[in-house]
């Protein structure tokens, strides 16, 4: 159990740093928080690819739970969406929600198509 906790913690440390770097490097497109969208879509793809390829053991704890757990960010997505609504940007609020759901589901479907013939 201790080794699993260390794997999750180490992965989480790396994932949080990657999230900071990736989401900070990608500018907003109009009012859409594109960095969060990119992080969530990438995380959806990687998690789906790992799940569909039946990754288990240490790699699962390190990447799926640790890295991707801190790399992807539903809370940031919710906050940024709320801020758009609060700022009266209803069009971008709806577009941000639709894009996050659509792109992340598409990334999952793509991973499925690549892993499961």
C-alpha atoms as a PDB file:
ATOM      1  CA  UNK A   1       0.000   0.000   0.000  1.00  0.00           C
ATOM      2  CA  UNK A   2       2.849   2.436   0.769  1.00  0.00           C
ATOM      3  CA  UNK A   3       4.353   1.922  -2.679  1.00  0.00           C
ATOM      4  CA  UNK A   4       0.969   2.640  -4.300  1.00  0.00           C
ATOM      5  CA  UNK A   5       0.629   5.856  -2.289  1.00  0.00           C
ATOM      6  CA  UNK A   6       4.114   6.942  -3.351  1.00  0.00           C
ATOM      7  CA  UNK A   7       3.314   6.190  -6.996  1.00  0.00           C
ATOM      8  CA  UNK A   8       0.082   8.195  -6.823  1.00  0.00           C
ATOM      9  CA  UNK A   9       1.814  11.077  -5.010  1.00  0.00           C
ATOM     10  CA  UNK A  10       4.737  11.198  -7.416  1.00  0.00           C
ATOM     11  CA  UNK A  11       2.408  11.024 -10.405  1.00  0.00           C
ATOM     12  CA  UNK A  12       0.241  13.750  -8.885  1.00  0.00           C
ATOM     13  CA  UNK A  13       3.262  15.987  -8.404  1.00  0.00           C
ATOM     14  CA  UNK A  14       4.268  15.567 -12.051  1.00  0.00           C
ATOM     15  CA  UNK A  15       0.699  15.919 -13.333  1.00  0.00           C
ATOM     16  CA  UNK A  16       0.134  19.161 -11.428  1.00  0.00           C
ATOM     17  CA  UNK A  17       3.296  20.673 -12.885  1.00  0.00           C
ATOM     18  CA  UNK A  18       2.358  19.536 -16.393  1.00  0.00           C
ATOM     19  CA  UNK A  19      -1.114  21.008 -15.965  1.00  0.00           C
ATOM     20  CA  UNK A  20       0.370  24.337 -14.916  1.00  0.00           C
ATOM     21  CA  UNK A  21       2.753  24.374 -17.880  1.00  0.00           C
ATOM     22  CA  UNK A  22       0.297  23.189 -20.536  1.00  0.00           C
ATOM     23  CA  UNK A  23      -2.712  25.272 -19.503  1.00  0.00           C
ATOM     24  CA  UNK A  24      -0.506  28.337 -19.033  1.00  0.00           C
ATOM     25  CA  UNK A  25       1.092  27.977 -22.448  1.00  0.00           C
ATOM     26  CA  UNK A  26      -2.173  27.941 -24.375  1.00  0.00           C
ATOM     27  CA  UNK A  27      -3.924  31.301 -24.682  1.00  0.00           C
ATOM     28  CA  UNK A  28      -7.674  31.806 -24.586  1.00  0.00           C
ATOM     29  CA  UNK A  29      -9.431  31.644 -27.908  1.00  0.00           C
ATOM     30  CA  UNK A  30     -11.943  34.478 -27.776  1.00  0.00           C
ATOM     31  CA  UNK A  31     -13.214  33.936 -24.227  1.00  0.00           C
ATOM     32  CA  UNK A  32     -12.811  30.137 -24.200  1.00  0.00           C
ATOM     33  CA  UNK A  33     -10.224  28.875 -21.647  1.00  0.00           C
ATOM     34  CA  UNK A  34      -8.385  26.767 -24.244  1.00  0.00           C
ATOM     35  CA  UNK A  35      -5.670  25.612 -21.830  1.00  0.00           C
ATOM     36  CA  UNK A  36      -8.187  23.826 -19.620  1.00  0.00           C
ATOM     37  CA  UNK A  37      -9.890  22.345 -22.675  1.00  0.00           C
ATOM     38  CA  UNK A  38      -6.532  21.050 -23.952  1.00  0.00           C
ATOM     39  CA  UNK A  39      -5.610  19.560 -20.584  1.00  0.00           C
ATOM     40  CA  UNK A  40      -8.979  17.854 -20.202  1.00  0.00           C
ATOM     41  CA  UNK A  41      -9.027  16.494 -23.766  1.00  0.00           C
ATOM     42  CA  UNK A  42      -5.463  15.198 -23.510  1.00  0.00           C
ATOM     43  CA  UNK A  43      -6.171  13.625 -20.138  1.00  0.00           C
ATOM     44  CA  UNK A  44      -9.366  12.026 -21.464  1.00  0.00           C
ATOM     45  CA  UNK A  45      -7.474  10.504 -24.371  1.00  0.00           C
ATOM     46  CA  UNK A  46      -4.583   9.168 -22.275  1.00  0.00           C
ATOM     47  CA  UNK A  47      -6.853   7.765 -19.552  1.00  0.00           C
ATOM     48  CA  UNK A  48      -9.081   6.084 -22.129  1.00  0.00           C
ATOM     49  CA  UNK A  49      -6.098   4.647 -24.005  1.00  0.00           C
ATOM     50  CA  UNK A  50      -4.682   3.230 -20.788  1.00  0.00           C
ATOM     51  CA  UNK A  51      -8.034   1.858 -19.670  1.00  0.00           C
ATOM     52  CA  UNK A  52      -8.872   0.276 -23.020  1.00  0.00           C
ATOM     53  CA  UNK A  53      -5.434  -1.305 -23.196  1.00  0.00           C
ATOM     54  CA  UNK A  54      -5.954  -2.763 -19.695  1.00  0.00           C
ATOM     55  CA  UNK A  55      -2.953  -1.114 -18.029  1.00  0.00           C
ATOM     56  CA  UNK A  56      -2.678  -2.391 -14.477  1.00  0.00           C
ATOM     57  CA  UNK A  57      -0.315  -2.300 -11.541  1.00  0.00           C
ATOM     58  CA  UNK A  58       2.248   0.376 -10.864  1.00  0.00           C
ATOM     59  CA  UNK A  59       1.716   2.220 -14.141  1.00  0.00           C
ATOM     60  CA  UNK A  60      -2.007   2.525 -13.402  1.00  0.00           C
ATOM     61  CA  UNK A  61      -1.345   4.070  -9.989  1.00  0.00           C
ATOM     62  CA  UNK A  62       1.366   6.387 -11.302  1.00  0.00           C
ATOM     63  CA  UNK A  63      -0.288   7.636 -14.515  1.00  0.00           C
ATOM     64  CA  UNK A  64      -4.048   7.049 -14.319  1.00  0.00           C
ATOM     65  CA  UNK A  65      -4.622   7.966 -10.695  1.00  0.00           C
ATOM     66  CA  UNK A  66      -1.615  10.177  -9.930  1.00  0.00           C
ATOM     67  CA  UNK A  67      -0.621  12.105 -13.050  1.00  0.00           C
ATOM     68  CA  UNK A  68      -4.004  12.315 -14.743  1.00  0.00           C
ATOM     69  CA  UNK A  69      -5.797  12.908 -11.458  1.00  0.00           C
ATOM     70  CA  UNK A  70      -3.917  16.150 -11.005  1.00  0.00           C
ATOM     71  CA  UNK A  71      -3.429  16.950 -14.707  1.00  0.00           C
ATOM     72  CA  UNK A  72      -7.097  17.044 -15.675  1.00  0.00           C
ATOM     73  CA  UNK A  73      -9.264  19.531 -13.914  1.00  0.00           C
ATOM     74  CA  UNK A  74     -13.019  19.406 -13.697  1.00  0.00           C
ATOM     75  CA  UNK A  75     -13.035  21.958 -10.888  1.00  0.00           C
ATOM     76  CA  UNK A  76     -11.195  24.504 -13.029  1.00  0.00           C
ATOM     77  CA  UNK A  77     -13.569  23.800 -15.927  1.00  0.00           C
ATOM     78  CA  UNK A  78     -16.554  24.415 -13.617  1.00  0.00           C
ATOM     79  CA  UNK A  79     -15.046  27.597 -12.174  1.00  0.00           C
ATOM     80  CA  UNK A  80     -14.082  29.040 -15.563  1.00  0.00           C
ATOM     81  CA  UNK A  81     -17.518  28.221 -16.951  1.00  0.00           C
ATOM     82  CA  UNK A  82     -19.190  29.908 -13.987  1.00  0.00           C
ATOM     83  CA  UNK A  83     -16.994  32.993 -14.384  1.00  0.00           C
ATOM     84  CA  UNK A  84     -18.045  33.289 -18.030  1.00  0.00           C
ATOM     85  CA  UNK A  85     -21.689  33.155 -16.980  1.00  0.00           C
ATOM     86  CA  UNK A  86     -21.091  35.644 -14.178  1.00  0.00           C
ATOM     87  CA  UNK A  87     -19.398  38.033 -16.641  1.00  0.00           C
ATOM     88  CA  UNK A  88     -22.436  37.885 -18.929  1.00  0.00           C
ATOM     89  CA  UNK A  89     -20.608  35.833 -21.567  1.00  0.00           C
ATOM     90  CA  UNK A  90     -23.515  33.414 -22.017  1.00  0.00           C
ATOM     91  CA  UNK A  91     -22.480  32.439 -25.539  1.00  0.00           C
ATOM     92  CA  UNK A  92     -18.952  31.522 -24.409  1.00  0.00           C
ATOM     93  CA  UNK A  93     -20.283  29.854 -21.262  1.00  0.00           C
ATOM     94  CA  UNK A  94     -22.374  27.473 -23.379  1.00  0.00           C
ATOM     95  CA  UNK A  95     -19.649  27.046 -25.980  1.00  0.00           C
ATOM     96  CA  UNK A  96     -17.079  26.174 -23.293  1.00  0.00           C
ATOM     97  CA  UNK A  97     -19.359  23.487 -21.839  1.00  0.00           C
ATOM     98  CA  UNK A  98     -20.219  22.044 -25.250  1.00  0.00           C
ATOM     99  CA  UNK A  99     -16.568  22.055 -26.361  1.00  0.00           C
ATOM    100  CA  UNK A 100     -15.310  20.376 -23.183  1.00  0.00           C
ATOM    101  CA  UNK A 101     -17.929  17.631 -23.336  1.00  0.00           C
ATOM    102  CA  UNK A 102     -17.656  17.084 -27.082  1.00  0.00           C
ATOM    103  CA  UNK A 103     -13.869  17.223 -27.379  1.00  0.00           C
ATOM    104  CA  UNK A 104     -13.265  15.041 -24.299  1.00  0.00           C
ATOM    105  CA  UNK A 105     -15.789  12.443 -25.463  1.00  0.00           C
ATOM    106  CA  UNK A 106     -14.229  12.531 -28.939  1.00  0.00           C
ATOM    107  CA  UNK A 107     -10.772  12.016 -27.416  1.00  0.00           C
ATOM    108  CA  UNK A 108     -12.116   9.021 -25.501  1.00  0.00           C
ATOM    109  CA  UNK A 109     -13.725   7.612 -28.645  1.00  0.00           C
ATOM    110  CA  UNK A 110     -10.485   8.117 -30.586  1.00  0.00           C
ATOM    111  CA  UNK A 111      -8.512   6.242 -27.945  1.00  0.00           C
ATOM    112  CA  UNK A 112     -11.081   3.447 -28.084  1.00  0.00           C
ATOM    113  CA  UNK A 113     -10.797   3.228 -31.866  1.00  0.00           C
ATOM    114  CA  UNK A 114      -7.009   3.113 -31.683  1.00  0.00           C
ATOM    115  CA  UNK A 115      -6.830   0.491 -28.908  1.00  0.00           C
ATOM    116  CA  UNK A 116      -9.851  -1.728 -29.608  1.00  0.00           C
ATOM    117  CA  UNK A 117      -9.810  -2.896 -33.253  1.00  0.00           C
END
